Protein backbone atom coordinates (compact mmCIF):
# COMPACT_ATOMS: atom_id res chain seq x y z
CA MET A 1 8.41 76.92 102.61
CA ASN A 2 5.58 75.57 104.81
CA PHE A 3 4.85 78.41 107.20
CA LEU A 4 2.24 76.30 109.02
CA ARG A 5 4.97 74.00 110.31
CA LEU A 6 6.91 77.01 111.59
CA PHE A 7 3.87 78.64 113.12
CA PRO A 8 1.37 75.80 113.90
CA ARG A 9 -0.44 77.87 116.51
CA PHE A 10 -0.54 81.08 114.51
CA PRO A 11 -2.43 80.53 111.23
CA LYS A 12 -3.00 84.28 110.95
CA VAL A 13 0.75 84.82 110.94
CA TYR A 14 1.03 82.30 108.12
CA ARG A 15 -1.63 84.04 106.06
CA TRP A 16 0.06 87.41 106.62
CA LEU A 17 3.48 86.09 105.58
CA SER A 18 2.03 84.46 102.46
CA PHE A 19 0.37 87.73 101.50
CA ALA A 20 3.60 89.66 102.12
CA VAL A 21 5.67 87.31 99.95
CA ALA A 22 3.12 87.41 97.15
CA THR A 23 2.97 91.20 97.30
CA ALA A 24 6.76 91.51 97.20
CA LEU A 25 6.97 89.20 94.21
CA GLY A 26 4.30 91.19 92.46
CA ILE A 27 6.11 94.46 93.03
CA ILE A 28 9.37 93.01 91.68
CA PHE A 29 7.57 91.70 88.58
CA LEU A 30 5.93 95.08 88.00
CA GLN A 31 9.27 96.88 88.32
CA LEU A 32 10.82 94.56 85.77
CA GLN A 33 7.99 95.33 83.39
CA LEU A 34 8.56 99.05 83.84
CA ILE A 35 12.26 98.97 82.89
CA SER A 36 12.69 101.01 79.71
CA PRO A 37 13.41 99.08 76.50
CA ILE A 38 16.79 100.82 76.07
CA GLU A 39 17.88 99.83 79.61
CA ALA A 40 16.92 96.24 78.94
CA GLN A 41 18.75 96.05 75.62
CA SER A 42 22.30 94.86 75.10
CA PRO A 43 25.17 97.33 74.60
CA VAL A 44 25.46 99.24 71.34
CA PHE A 45 28.25 97.86 69.15
CA LEU A 46 29.93 100.25 66.71
CA ASN A 47 32.18 98.67 64.10
CA GLY A 48 34.60 100.81 62.12
CA ALA A 49 37.50 100.32 59.72
CA GLY A 50 39.95 102.35 57.72
CA ALA A 51 43.04 104.50 58.10
CA THR A 52 46.05 103.25 60.03
CA PHE A 53 47.30 106.83 60.46
CA PRO A 54 45.14 107.57 63.57
CA LEU A 55 45.37 104.03 64.97
CA PHE A 56 47.12 104.76 68.28
CA LEU A 57 44.74 107.60 69.06
CA TYR A 58 41.60 105.71 68.03
CA GLN A 59 42.66 102.72 70.12
CA ARG A 60 43.11 104.95 73.17
CA TRP A 61 39.86 106.82 72.61
CA PHE A 62 37.66 103.82 72.03
CA GLN A 63 39.12 101.89 74.96
CA GLU A 64 38.74 104.83 77.35
CA TYR A 65 35.22 105.57 76.20
CA SER A 66 34.01 101.96 76.48
CA GLN A 67 35.50 101.67 79.96
CA THR A 68 33.43 104.59 81.20
CA HIS A 69 30.38 103.88 79.02
CA LYS A 70 29.68 100.17 79.40
CA ASP A 71 26.65 100.47 77.12
CA VAL A 72 28.84 101.29 74.09
CA GLN A 73 31.44 98.94 72.66
CA ILE A 74 33.63 100.09 69.74
CA ASN A 75 35.74 98.02 67.37
CA TYR A 76 38.09 99.60 64.83
CA GLN A 77 40.08 97.67 62.22
CA PRO A 78 43.14 99.45 60.71
CA ILE A 79 42.87 98.27 57.09
CA GLY A 80 43.88 101.45 55.22
CA SER A 81 41.98 104.51 54.04
CA ALA A 82 41.04 103.05 50.64
CA ALA A 83 39.43 100.00 52.26
CA GLY A 84 37.73 102.20 54.86
CA ILE A 85 36.16 104.34 52.14
CA GLN A 86 35.08 101.26 50.19
CA GLN A 87 33.45 99.71 53.25
CA MET A 88 31.54 102.94 53.82
CA ILE A 89 30.31 102.79 50.24
CA SER A 90 29.36 99.12 50.69
CA GLU A 91 27.75 99.99 54.06
CA THR A 92 29.48 97.09 55.82
CA VAL A 93 30.70 99.24 58.75
CA ASP A 94 29.14 101.77 61.09
CA PHE A 95 31.91 104.31 60.47
CA GLY A 96 35.16 104.60 58.55
CA GLY A 97 38.50 106.33 58.82
CA SER A 98 40.52 108.09 56.13
CA ASP A 99 43.51 110.42 55.92
CA ILE A 100 42.10 111.91 52.75
CA ALA A 101 38.57 113.24 52.47
CA MET A 102 36.10 111.31 50.33
CA THR A 103 35.41 112.81 46.93
CA ASP A 104 31.99 114.00 45.75
CA GLU A 105 31.83 110.99 43.43
CA GLN A 106 32.52 108.58 46.30
CA MET A 107 29.99 110.27 48.55
CA ARG A 108 27.26 110.07 45.90
CA LYS A 109 27.56 106.27 46.04
CA VAL A 110 26.40 106.22 49.67
CA ASP A 111 22.59 106.24 49.82
CA ARG A 112 22.55 107.17 53.50
CA GLY A 113 24.79 110.18 52.96
CA VAL A 114 28.19 110.85 54.49
CA VAL A 115 29.41 113.23 57.18
CA LEU A 116 33.17 113.90 57.08
CA VAL A 117 34.62 114.98 60.41
CA PRO A 118 38.31 115.80 61.02
CA MET A 119 39.25 114.16 64.32
CA THR A 120 42.99 114.72 64.59
CA SER A 121 46.03 115.89 62.64
CA GLY A 122 49.61 114.79 62.23
CA SER A 123 52.55 114.48 59.89
CA VAL A 124 54.12 111.94 57.58
CA ALA A 125 57.74 111.26 58.49
CA ILE A 126 60.47 109.88 56.28
CA ALA A 127 62.05 107.22 58.47
CA TYR A 128 65.29 105.37 57.80
CA ASN A 129 67.55 102.69 59.27
CA LEU A 130 71.22 103.69 59.38
CA PRO A 131 72.72 102.78 62.76
CA GLY A 132 74.77 105.65 64.16
CA ILE A 133 73.36 108.17 61.67
CA GLU A 134 71.09 110.76 63.25
CA ASN A 135 69.84 114.21 62.21
CA LEU A 136 69.92 113.36 58.52
CA LYS A 137 68.91 116.20 56.21
CA LEU A 138 67.16 115.61 52.90
CA SER A 139 66.45 118.28 50.31
CA ARG A 140 63.24 118.23 48.30
CA GLU A 141 65.21 117.02 45.29
CA ALA A 142 66.99 114.34 47.32
CA TYR A 143 63.95 112.68 48.89
CA THR A 144 62.00 112.87 45.65
CA ASP A 145 64.85 111.22 43.76
CA ILE A 146 65.21 108.53 46.44
CA PHE A 147 61.57 107.48 46.04
CA LEU A 148 61.86 107.71 42.25
CA GLY A 149 64.78 105.28 42.47
CA LYS A 150 67.24 107.77 40.96
CA ILE A 151 69.37 107.96 44.13
CA GLN A 152 70.32 104.39 44.97
CA ARG A 153 73.14 104.57 47.52
CA TRP A 154 73.42 106.32 50.86
CA ASN A 155 76.70 108.02 49.99
CA ASP A 156 75.27 109.70 46.89
CA PRO A 157 76.62 113.29 46.57
CA LYS A 158 73.07 114.69 46.77
CA ILE A 159 72.87 113.30 50.31
CA THR A 160 76.47 113.64 51.51
CA GLY A 161 76.63 117.23 50.32
CA LEU A 162 73.81 118.13 52.72
CA ASN A 163 75.32 116.12 55.58
CA PRO A 164 79.10 116.72 55.63
CA ASP A 165 79.34 115.80 59.31
CA LEU A 166 77.73 112.39 58.85
CA ASN A 167 79.70 109.30 57.82
CA LEU A 168 77.15 107.97 55.34
CA PRO A 169 77.90 104.39 54.24
CA ASN A 170 78.38 103.05 50.73
CA LEU A 171 75.19 101.04 51.16
CA PRO A 172 72.27 100.41 48.79
CA ILE A 173 69.07 102.30 49.57
CA THR A 174 65.99 100.11 49.93
CA VAL A 175 62.79 102.08 49.53
CA VAL A 176 59.76 100.78 51.45
CA HIS A 177 56.29 101.98 50.47
CA ARG A 178 52.70 101.01 51.10
CA SER A 179 51.23 98.18 49.04
CA ASP A 180 47.63 98.76 50.15
CA GLY A 181 45.36 101.69 49.36
CA SER A 182 46.57 104.25 51.84
CA GLY A 183 45.70 107.75 52.97
CA THR A 184 49.30 108.12 54.12
CA THR A 185 50.36 107.34 50.54
CA ALA A 186 47.88 109.90 49.22
CA VAL A 187 49.28 112.58 51.53
CA PHE A 188 52.89 111.73 50.70
CA THR A 189 52.44 111.49 46.92
CA LYS A 190 50.32 114.64 46.80
CA HIS A 191 53.20 116.48 48.43
CA LEU A 192 55.76 114.99 46.03
CA SER A 193 53.57 115.95 43.07
CA ALA A 194 53.38 119.50 44.39
CA ILE A 195 57.15 119.91 44.64
CA SER A 196 58.29 117.84 41.62
CA SER A 197 56.90 117.96 38.09
CA GLU A 198 58.84 114.78 37.31
CA TRP A 199 57.10 112.95 40.14
CA GLU A 200 53.71 114.26 39.06
CA THR A 201 54.34 113.05 35.50
CA LYS A 202 55.88 109.66 36.27
CA VAL A 203 53.98 108.59 39.40
CA GLY A 204 51.29 111.08 40.35
CA SER A 205 49.27 110.95 43.55
CA GLY A 206 46.50 108.92 45.12
CA LEU A 207 45.61 106.21 47.60
CA SER A 208 47.50 103.77 45.38
CA VAL A 209 50.16 104.62 42.78
CA SER A 210 52.52 102.73 40.47
CA TRP A 211 55.86 103.00 42.24
CA THR A 212 59.06 103.16 40.21
CA ALA A 213 61.21 101.79 43.05
CA GLY A 214 61.05 99.88 46.30
CA VAL A 215 59.11 97.11 48.01
CA GLY A 216 55.50 97.30 49.10
CA ILE A 217 54.29 96.53 52.62
CA LYS A 218 50.78 96.79 54.07
CA SER A 219 49.90 99.42 56.70
CA ASN A 220 51.87 102.03 58.60
CA ALA A 221 52.73 99.35 61.13
CA GLY A 222 54.10 97.05 58.44
CA VAL A 223 56.27 99.72 56.81
CA SER A 224 57.54 100.83 60.23
CA ALA A 225 58.43 97.26 61.20
CA GLN A 226 60.28 96.68 57.94
CA ILE A 227 62.35 99.85 58.41
CA LYS A 228 63.04 98.91 62.03
CA GLN A 229 64.52 95.53 61.13
CA ALA A 230 66.38 96.17 57.86
CA ARG A 231 69.53 98.29 57.62
CA GLY A 232 69.61 100.71 54.68
CA THR A 233 65.83 101.01 54.37
CA ILE A 234 63.87 104.24 54.03
CA GLY A 235 60.13 104.81 53.90
CA TYR A 236 57.27 107.12 54.81
CA VAL A 237 55.14 106.53 57.90
CA GLU A 238 52.78 108.47 60.12
CA TYR A 239 54.89 110.29 62.70
CA SER A 240 53.35 108.52 65.69
CA PHE A 241 54.53 105.14 64.36
CA ALA A 242 58.08 106.46 64.00
CA GLN A 243 57.85 107.90 67.51
CA GLN A 244 56.45 104.72 69.07
CA LEU A 245 59.11 102.49 67.46
CA GLY A 246 62.00 104.90 67.97
CA LEU A 247 62.77 105.17 64.25
CA SER A 248 65.25 107.74 62.98
CA THR A 249 63.53 110.43 60.92
CA ALA A 250 64.93 112.92 58.43
CA ALA A 251 64.74 116.71 58.59
CA LEU A 252 63.08 117.74 55.32
CA GLU A 253 63.54 120.92 53.33
CA ASN A 254 60.36 122.97 53.57
CA ARG A 255 58.90 125.59 51.29
CA ALA A 256 61.00 128.30 52.93
CA GLY A 257 64.22 126.33 52.35
CA ASN A 258 64.68 125.34 55.99
CA TYR A 259 65.35 121.78 57.16
CA ILE A 260 62.65 120.80 59.64
CA PRO A 261 62.44 117.46 61.50
CA PRO A 262 58.94 116.08 62.15
CA SER A 263 57.54 117.26 65.47
CA LEU A 264 54.22 118.22 66.97
CA ASP A 265 55.18 121.89 67.03
CA ALA A 266 56.31 121.93 63.39
CA THR A 267 53.11 120.15 62.35
CA ALA A 268 50.97 122.64 64.25
CA LYS A 269 52.80 125.53 62.57
CA ALA A 270 52.15 124.00 59.16
CA LEU A 271 48.41 123.82 59.88
CA ASP A 272 48.21 127.29 61.43
CA ASN A 273 48.02 128.89 57.98
CA LEU A 274 45.15 126.67 56.85
CA THR A 275 41.50 127.67 57.15
CA LEU A 276 39.28 124.63 57.09
CA PRO A 277 36.39 125.19 54.61
CA ASP A 278 32.77 124.64 55.56
CA ASN A 279 32.73 121.20 53.93
CA LEU A 280 35.62 120.21 56.25
CA ARG A 281 37.68 118.88 53.34
CA ALA A 282 41.16 120.35 53.16
CA PHE A 283 44.55 119.22 51.97
CA VAL A 284 47.90 120.91 52.52
CA SER A 285 50.29 119.74 49.82
CA ASP A 286 53.11 122.20 50.60
CA PRO A 287 52.41 124.34 53.69
CA GLN A 288 53.84 127.80 54.20
CA GLY A 289 55.85 128.91 57.20
CA GLU A 290 59.50 129.27 58.12
CA GLU A 291 59.25 126.52 60.75
CA ALA A 292 56.50 124.42 59.15
CA TYR A 293 57.08 120.72 58.55
CA PRO A 294 56.25 120.07 54.87
CA ILE A 295 54.07 116.89 54.97
CA VAL A 296 51.01 117.21 57.20
CA THR A 297 47.36 116.21 57.14
CA TYR A 298 44.10 115.93 59.01
CA SER A 299 42.53 112.52 59.53
CA TRP A 300 38.78 112.16 59.09
CA LEU A 301 36.17 109.93 60.65
CA LEU A 302 33.53 108.97 58.09
CA ALA A 303 29.99 108.67 59.44
CA TYR A 304 26.66 108.11 57.75
CA LYS A 305 24.31 111.05 57.71
CA ASN A 306 21.39 108.74 58.44
CA TYR A 307 21.38 105.51 60.45
CA ASP A 308 18.64 102.89 60.62
CA ASP A 309 19.28 102.32 64.33
CA PRO A 310 18.73 105.47 66.44
CA ARG A 311 20.82 103.97 69.24
CA LYS A 312 23.84 103.72 66.94
CA ALA A 313 23.36 107.27 65.69
CA LYS A 314 23.15 108.59 69.24
CA ALA A 315 26.11 106.54 70.47
CA LEU A 316 28.35 107.58 67.59
CA ARG A 317 27.47 111.26 68.04
CA GLU A 318 28.33 111.07 71.71
CA VAL A 319 31.61 109.21 71.10
CA MET A 320 32.69 111.74 68.49
CA LEU A 321 31.77 114.77 70.60
CA TRP A 322 33.74 113.31 73.50
CA ALA A 323 36.75 112.64 71.24
CA LEU A 324 36.62 116.21 69.90
CA THR A 325 36.75 117.62 73.43
CA ASP A 326 38.13 115.49 76.27
CA GLY A 327 39.72 113.03 73.85
CA GLN A 328 41.99 115.69 72.35
CA ASN A 329 43.99 115.59 75.59
CA ASP A 330 45.39 112.20 74.54
CA SER A 331 46.82 113.53 71.26
CA GLU A 332 50.29 114.81 72.04
CA SER A 333 51.45 111.86 74.13
CA LEU A 334 50.71 109.58 71.17
CA GLY A 335 52.32 111.74 68.47
CA TYR A 336 49.30 113.64 67.16
CA VAL A 337 48.43 117.34 67.11
CA PRO A 338 45.22 118.42 68.86
CA LEU A 339 42.70 120.20 66.66
CA SER A 340 42.45 123.96 66.99
CA ASP A 341 39.38 125.47 68.66
CA ALA A 342 38.12 126.73 65.29
CA VAL A 343 38.34 123.26 63.73
CA VAL A 344 36.70 121.64 66.76
CA THR A 345 33.77 124.07 66.52
CA LYS A 346 33.16 123.17 62.86
CA ALA A 347 33.66 119.47 63.51
CA LYS A 348 31.15 119.41 66.38
CA ALA A 349 28.56 121.16 64.20
CA ALA A 350 29.02 118.43 61.57
CA VAL A 351 28.60 115.69 64.20
CA GLU A 352 25.25 117.14 65.26
CA THR A 353 23.91 116.53 61.72
CA ILE A 354 24.22 112.75 62.16
CA GLY A 355 20.71 111.32 62.54
CA THR A 356 18.34 108.57 61.45
CA ARG A 357 16.26 107.89 58.37
């Protein structure tokens, strides 16, 4: 702008305005130079992958956190616990998820070290599709034999004898199980191995097993969808998936001989008798308690002990600490059981060990 044209009779005014504009521009430039490097950087992106078991809760947490912390963006891919562990070992993610704690052998393969932190807990439900049939009871022998392929029809005496008031159809049973490496499978098969020597001998337990019956489907979501759409199917899924899709679930015989349907209260009672060790790795294959549901687990977030990027280490610590406190309030509405105060205290201490190398 030519200030002389605006103020032809006042050259001093022009000089003053020119000085003022130059000074203002200089101040703005200086302020830009003084912005801290962290403020000037782009948001921190945290990429994780693993267990499908905690999917609904992780989705809620990470969305809520990123909405209130625009400088942190979190992506989580539900690809199964086995794949999550493998990606941690390969160091292709910033964090992983698993429904079964990593073993010492697996952890030794990670140069940066691993911190295992329980983030939530829940149960594995046996869901089925029999229209009009609710409140089905299954004994330990019955549900083991179904997944072994020994019980093949819904009106088998081992099922009808437990459910005299239900009109069970003369319909083939189609077992649906996970085809991918799965923490949910590990939890389920560990329980079956604990209650059945035949299962332990013929199938065993683990993230992946050689099934003697049924069809394999990827992910909790895939198994749930297959049960939802196909009459006569039965399978095991994380309770929140059964709850979200409105699947019928069986009441299972527990260690005390009582038939307990999956619920948040029954899951909490199963975990009440468990003391989490200092290494935060625990597995309940057959919990005690008159009202305890028999198939329960924690779900762990897998973090590196040392990160190359201090911003990522800091962001992940803060996300995890938030999830262990405020985030626990989202648990029950999504079908998960909030961690006890004692577990949260130990988990937070583990989070604080996450650092840089």
